[in-house]
Each structure stands twice: as C-alpha cells, then as structure tokens.
C-alpha cells in the first residue's frame, strides 16, 4: 500500500480566477461614539423589546464594523464582545446570502444549550442583537424584533 491518497478521493481544487477583481465595497462610517444619536429613544426601544418578550435578557445595538453603539445588557455582561459577535454573525449571513443568491442579510439566530442570540439588520450601518434564555419564545421574538429594528433605523436616520 502506498502512502498516497487514491485519486478518486482527492477533492477538486479551486482555481485562481483571472481578470479584474470586483471593486471593493466602500463601508459607511462607524456609528460608534456618535454623540448626535438619540440614545434615550434608542434605549427606550431596546428596553421595550426586552419587556415585550419574556426571556430576553438584553439587547445590543452595534455597528456592522463590530463596535458597540449602545446596549441594555445586565451588569457584568460584555456588550462590546456581543457587538463584535453580532458583526461576525452578520458577515457570515451576508456571505451565505451572496453565495446562494438570496439577497441581503436580514436576520440570523444561533441556538445554544442555554439560550439564543438573534441578530437583525437595522440598516447598512447597524445591527440589533438580542440575547435570550433558552425559554424565550423565538417565534414571538421574530414577530416583534423586526419592527424594533425598523424603529431603530428611523431613529438613526433622523440623527444625521
């Protein structure tokens, strides 16, 4: 028996594409640290979602760049890390949508042993991340969170 892999088991390799690369997408400026944002109204929208859906433990509004804008997370949590995780989830979801020809990212939910992380697109610059316990009603969350994301988009649009 030789040390090589049988030819029928070798996976095909991707070949380098020749020609011009597509132009780089210009990213919008970060919203993190923007003092003109209506933080009180944003906080109210996030708090209302938390109150409407039992089992929601906190919300994070973050940029697609992974930077925290604001949050309603309990003391001792790490909202900066959650904003970065939301951006990573967005990046993966966006690539899936592009690869499958299914359009722009809208929402992604990750279920873990003890809870959920749902990420919703707010606009081209921001993401809403909702953290829930394993008892959260995900269907109810998916009914209410897109409306909150739309309200946040309106608030962010009015701040510029």
C-alpha atoms as a PDB file:
ATOM      1  CA  UNK A   1       0.000   0.000   0.000  1.00  0.00           C
ATOM      2  CA  UNK A   2       1.438   3.351  -0.994  1.00  0.00           C
ATOM      3  CA  UNK A   3       1.411   6.432   1.245  1.00  0.00           C
ATOM      4  CA  UNK A   4      -0.611   8.498  -1.273  1.00  0.00           C
ATOM      5  CA  UNK A   5      -4.315   9.147  -1.375  1.00  0.00           C
ATOM      6  CA  UNK A   6      -6.268   7.276  -4.045  1.00  0.00           C
ATOM      7  CA  UNK A   7      -7.121   9.614  -6.924  1.00  0.00           C
ATOM      8  CA  UNK A   8     -10.884   9.073  -6.544  1.00  0.00           C
ATOM      9  CA  UNK A   9     -10.695  10.510  -3.003  1.00  0.00           C
ATOM     10  CA  UNK A  10      -8.877  13.736  -3.911  1.00  0.00           C
ATOM     11  CA  UNK A  11     -11.120  16.756  -3.742  1.00  0.00           C
ATOM     12  CA  UNK A  12     -11.054  19.227  -6.620  1.00  0.00           C
ATOM     13  CA  UNK A  13      -9.116  22.409  -6.002  1.00  0.00           C
ATOM     14  CA  UNK A  14     -10.410  25.879  -6.621  1.00  0.00           C
ATOM     15  CA  UNK A  15      -8.515  27.538  -9.432  1.00  0.00           C
ATOM     16  CA  UNK A  16      -7.386  31.118  -9.336  1.00  0.00           C
ATOM     17  CA  UNK A  17      -9.687  33.391 -11.271  1.00  0.00           C
ATOM     18  CA  UNK A  18      -8.048  35.639 -13.786  1.00  0.00           C
ATOM     19  CA  UNK A  19      -9.243  39.043 -14.803  1.00  0.00           C
ATOM     20  CA  UNK A  20     -10.242  42.112 -12.909  1.00  0.00           C
ATOM     21  CA  UNK A  21     -11.366  41.825  -9.323  1.00  0.00           C
ATOM     22  CA  UNK A  22     -14.678  43.428  -8.439  1.00  0.00           C
ATOM     23  CA  UNK A  23     -14.366  46.874  -6.870  1.00  0.00           C
ATOM     24  CA  UNK A  24     -14.069  46.998  -3.106  1.00  0.00           C
ATOM     25  CA  UNK A  25     -17.258  47.932  -1.315  1.00  0.00           C
ATOM     26  CA  UNK A  26     -16.933  51.261   0.465  1.00  0.00           C
ATOM     27  CA  UNK A  27     -18.087  50.885   4.049  1.00  0.00           C
ATOM     28  CA  UNK A  28     -20.227  53.538   5.712  1.00  0.00           C
ATOM     29  CA  UNK A  29     -18.720  55.494   8.614  1.00  0.00           C
ATOM     30  CA  UNK A  30     -18.986  53.911  12.046  1.00  0.00           C
ATOM     31  CA  UNK A  31     -21.834  54.965  14.322  1.00  0.00           C
ATOM     32  CA  UNK A  32     -19.899  54.074  17.488  1.00  0.00           C
ATOM     33  CA  UNK A  33     -19.303  57.133  19.620  1.00  0.00           C
ATOM     34  CA  UNK A  34     -21.577  59.357  17.527  1.00  0.00           C
ATOM     35  CA  UNK A  35     -22.828  61.927  20.038  1.00  0.00           C
ATOM     36  CA  UNK A  36     -25.678  63.087  17.810  1.00  0.00           C
ATOM     37  CA  UNK A  37     -27.557  59.785  18.084  1.00  0.00           C
ATOM     38  CA  UNK A  38     -30.852  59.830  20.021  1.00  0.00           C
ATOM     39  CA  UNK A  39     -29.567  57.485  22.745  1.00  0.00           C
ATOM     40  CA  UNK A  40     -32.571  57.953  25.033  1.00  0.00           C
ATOM     41  CA  UNK A  41     -35.059  56.958  22.301  1.00  0.00           C
ATOM     42  CA  UNK A  42     -32.824  54.063  21.216  1.00  0.00           C
ATOM     43  CA  UNK A  43     -32.590  52.844  24.814  1.00  0.00           C
ATOM     44  CA  UNK A  44     -36.370  53.029  25.147  1.00  0.00           C
ATOM     45  CA  UNK A  45     -36.860  50.921  22.001  1.00  0.00           C
ATOM     46  CA  UNK A  46     -34.384  48.320  23.265  1.00  0.00           C
ATOM     47  CA  UNK A  47     -35.976  48.243  26.725  1.00  0.00           C
ATOM     48  CA  UNK A  48     -39.472  47.827  25.245  1.00  0.00           C
ATOM     49  CA  UNK A  49     -38.349  44.771  23.295  1.00  0.00           C
ATOM     50  CA  UNK A  50     -36.920  43.318  26.477  1.00  0.00           C
ATOM     51  CA  UNK A  51     -40.226  43.901  28.264  1.00  0.00           C
ATOM     52  CA  UNK A  52     -42.409  42.572  25.408  1.00  0.00           C
ATOM     53  CA  UNK A  53     -40.643  39.223  25.151  1.00  0.00           C
ATOM     54  CA  UNK A  54     -40.190  37.187  28.344  1.00  0.00           C
ATOM     55  CA  UNK A  55     -36.800  35.521  28.409  1.00  0.00           C
ATOM     56  CA  UNK A  56     -34.949  38.313  26.593  1.00  0.00           C
ATOM     57  CA  UNK A  57     -32.012  39.139  28.840  1.00  0.00           C
ATOM     58  CA  UNK A  58     -30.578  42.061  26.905  1.00  0.00           C
ATOM     59  CA  UNK A  59     -30.139  43.891  23.623  1.00  0.00           C
ATOM     60  CA  UNK A  60     -27.138  45.371  21.864  1.00  0.00           C
ATOM     61  CA  UNK A  61     -27.142  47.935  19.087  1.00  0.00           C
ATOM     62  CA  UNK A  62     -23.848  47.575  17.286  1.00  0.00           C
ATOM     63  CA  UNK A  63     -22.290  48.639  14.046  1.00  0.00           C
ATOM     64  CA  UNK A  64     -21.627  46.297  11.153  1.00  0.00           C
ATOM     65  CA  UNK A  65     -17.990  47.090  11.981  1.00  0.00           C
ATOM     66  CA  UNK A  66     -18.392  45.278  15.314  1.00  0.00           C
ATOM     67  CA  UNK A  67     -18.251  48.384  17.510  1.00  0.00           C
ATOM     68  CA  UNK A  68     -20.793  48.932  20.266  1.00  0.00           C
ATOM     69  CA  UNK A  69     -23.255  51.786  19.843  1.00  0.00           C
ATOM     70  CA  UNK A  70     -25.399  51.205  22.947  1.00  0.00           C
ATOM     71  CA  UNK A  71     -26.967  48.366  24.934  1.00  0.00           C
ATOM     72  CA  UNK A  72     -29.447  47.278  27.596  1.00  0.00           C
ATOM     73  CA  UNK A  73     -27.415  44.354  28.893  1.00  0.00           C
ATOM     74  CA  UNK A  74     -27.366  43.480  32.583  1.00  0.00           C
ATOM     75  CA  UNK A  75     -24.429  44.482  34.769  1.00  0.00           C
ATOM     76  CA  UNK A  76     -21.456  42.153  34.371  1.00  0.00           C
ATOM     77  CA  UNK A  77     -22.172  41.270  30.742  1.00  0.00           C
ATOM     78  CA  UNK A  78     -19.800  42.103  27.910  1.00  0.00           C
ATOM     79  CA  UNK A  79     -21.741  44.215  25.402  1.00  0.00           C
ATOM     80  CA  UNK A  80     -18.608  45.102  23.409  1.00  0.00           C
ATOM     81  CA  UNK A  81     -17.998  41.418  22.764  1.00  0.00           C
ATOM     82  CA  UNK A  82     -21.643  40.897  21.790  1.00  0.00           C
ATOM     83  CA  UNK A  83     -21.461  43.752  19.291  1.00  0.00           C
ATOM     84  CA  UNK A  84     -18.436  42.068  17.721  1.00  0.00           C
ATOM     85  CA  UNK A  85     -20.218  38.690  17.677  1.00  0.00           C
ATOM     86  CA  UNK A  86     -23.240  40.311  16.022  1.00  0.00           C
ATOM     87  CA  UNK A  87     -20.989  41.722  13.298  1.00  0.00           C
ATOM     88  CA  UNK A  88     -19.404  38.297  12.787  1.00  0.00           C
ATOM     89  CA  UNK A  89     -22.852  36.724  12.527  1.00  0.00           C
ATOM     90  CA  UNK A  90     -23.824  39.426  10.034  1.00  0.00           C
ATOM     91  CA  UNK A  91     -20.692  38.773   7.971  1.00  0.00           C
ATOM     92  CA  UNK A  92     -21.386  35.062   7.769  1.00  0.00           C
ATOM     93  CA  UNK A  93     -25.064  35.606   6.974  1.00  0.00           C
ATOM     94  CA  UNK A  94     -24.229  38.186   4.308  1.00  0.00           C
ATOM     95  CA  UNK A  95     -21.824  35.773   2.610  1.00  0.00           C
ATOM     96  CA  UNK A  96     -24.423  32.993   2.706  1.00  0.00           C
ATOM     97  CA  UNK A  97     -26.964  35.306   1.085  1.00  0.00           C
ATOM     98  CA  UNK A  98     -24.485  36.337  -1.609  1.00  0.00           C
ATOM     99  CA  UNK A  99     -23.334  32.770  -2.302  1.00  0.00           C
ATOM    100  CA  UNK A 100     -26.869  31.434  -2.580  1.00  0.00           C
ATOM    101  CA  UNK A 101     -28.238  34.425  -4.448  1.00  0.00           C
ATOM    102  CA  UNK A 102     -30.803  35.038  -1.704  1.00  0.00           C
ATOM    103  CA  UNK A 103     -30.259  38.759  -1.278  1.00  0.00           C
ATOM    104  CA  UNK A 104     -29.290  40.958   1.626  1.00  0.00           C
ATOM    105  CA  UNK A 105     -28.888  39.827   5.231  1.00  0.00           C
ATOM    106  CA  UNK A 106     -31.984  40.290   7.370  1.00  0.00           C
ATOM    107  CA  UNK A 107     -31.739  38.034  10.424  1.00  0.00           C
ATOM    108  CA  UNK A 108     -29.826  35.123  11.924  1.00  0.00           C
ATOM    109  CA  UNK A 109     -30.443  33.139  15.100  1.00  0.00           C
ATOM    110  CA  UNK A 110     -27.953  30.947  16.932  1.00  0.00           C
ATOM    111  CA  UNK A 111     -29.352  28.459  19.422  1.00  0.00           C
ATOM    112  CA  UNK A 112     -27.078  27.245  22.194  1.00  0.00           C
ATOM    113  CA  UNK A 113     -27.691  24.819  25.048  1.00  0.00           C
ATOM    114  CA  UNK A 114     -28.823  27.574  27.406  1.00  0.00           C
ATOM    115  CA  UNK A 115     -30.067  30.362  25.169  1.00  0.00           C
ATOM    116  CA  UNK A 116     -30.216  32.256  21.904  1.00  0.00           C
ATOM    117  CA  UNK A 117     -28.507  35.063  20.072  1.00  0.00           C
ATOM    118  CA  UNK A 118     -30.578  36.656  17.318  1.00  0.00           C
ATOM    119  CA  UNK A 119     -29.105  39.328  15.067  1.00  0.00           C
ATOM    120  CA  UNK A 120     -31.284  41.612  12.936  1.00  0.00           C
ATOM    121  CA  UNK A 121     -30.235  44.094  10.266  1.00  0.00           C
ATOM    122  CA  UNK A 122     -31.209  47.629  11.243  1.00  0.00           C
ATOM    123  CA  UNK A 123     -29.742  49.436   8.239  1.00  0.00           C
ATOM    124  CA  UNK A 124     -26.481  49.349   6.262  1.00  0.00           C
ATOM    125  CA  UNK A 125     -24.575  50.520   9.346  1.00  0.00           C
ATOM    126  CA  UNK A 126     -26.210  48.912  12.368  1.00  0.00           C
ATOM    127  CA  UNK A 127     -27.323  45.586  13.820  1.00  0.00           C
ATOM    128  CA  UNK A 128     -29.691  44.670  16.628  1.00  0.00           C
ATOM    129  CA  UNK A 129     -28.506  41.719  18.714  1.00  0.00           C
ATOM    130  CA  UNK A 130     -30.986  40.149  21.121  1.00  0.00           C
ATOM    131  CA  UNK A 131     -29.848  37.697  23.786  1.00  0.00           C
ATOM    132  CA  UNK A 132     -32.418  35.332  25.224  1.00  0.00           C
ATOM    133  CA  UNK A 133     -32.653  32.488  27.686  1.00  0.00           C
ATOM    134  CA  UNK A 134     -33.492  29.009  26.437  1.00  0.00           C
ATOM    135  CA  UNK A 135     -37.131  29.682  27.457  1.00  0.00           C
ATOM    136  CA  UNK A 136     -37.576  32.693  25.139  1.00  0.00           C
ATOM    137  CA  UNK A 137     -40.400  32.377  22.620  1.00  0.00           C
ATOM    138  CA  UNK A 138     -38.351  32.688  19.421  1.00  0.00           C
ATOM    139  CA  UNK A 139     -41.411  32.988  17.173  1.00  0.00           C
ATOM    140  CA  UNK A 140     -42.648  35.925  19.236  1.00  0.00           C
ATOM    141  CA  UNK A 141     -39.177  37.451  19.147  1.00  0.00           C
ATOM    142  CA  UNK A 142     -39.126  37.152  15.347  1.00  0.00           C
ATOM    143  CA  UNK A 143     -42.529  38.891  15.206  1.00  0.00           C
ATOM    144  CA  UNK A 144     -41.516  41.879  17.350  1.00  0.00           C
ATOM    145  CA  UNK A 145     -37.786  42.403  16.719  1.00  0.00           C
ATOM    146  CA  UNK A 146     -38.027  43.396  13.021  1.00  0.00           C
ATOM    147  CA  UNK A 147     -40.401  46.221  13.971  1.00  0.00           C
ATOM    148  CA  UNK A 148     -37.955  47.391  16.625  1.00  0.00           C
ATOM    149  CA  UNK A 149     -35.152  47.225  14.037  1.00  0.00           C
ATOM    150  CA  UNK A 150     -37.239  49.424  11.702  1.00  0.00           C
ATOM    151  CA  UNK A 151     -37.867  51.911  14.516  1.00  0.00           C
ATOM    152  CA  UNK A 152     -34.133  51.967  15.278  1.00  0.00           C
ATOM    153  CA  UNK A 153     -33.387  52.573  11.588  1.00  0.00           C
ATOM    154  CA  UNK A 154     -35.764  55.555  11.638  1.00  0.00           C
ATOM    155  CA  UNK A 155     -34.115  56.909  14.792  1.00  0.00           C
ATOM    156  CA  UNK A 156     -30.640  56.515  13.299  1.00  0.00           C
ATOM    157  CA  UNK A 157     -31.716  58.127  10.009  1.00  0.00           C
ATOM    158  CA  UNK A 158     -33.136  61.124  11.863  1.00  0.00           C
ATOM    159  CA  UNK A 159     -29.928  61.698  13.804  1.00  0.00           C
ATOM    160  CA  UNK A 160     -27.735  62.598  10.846  1.00  0.00           C
END
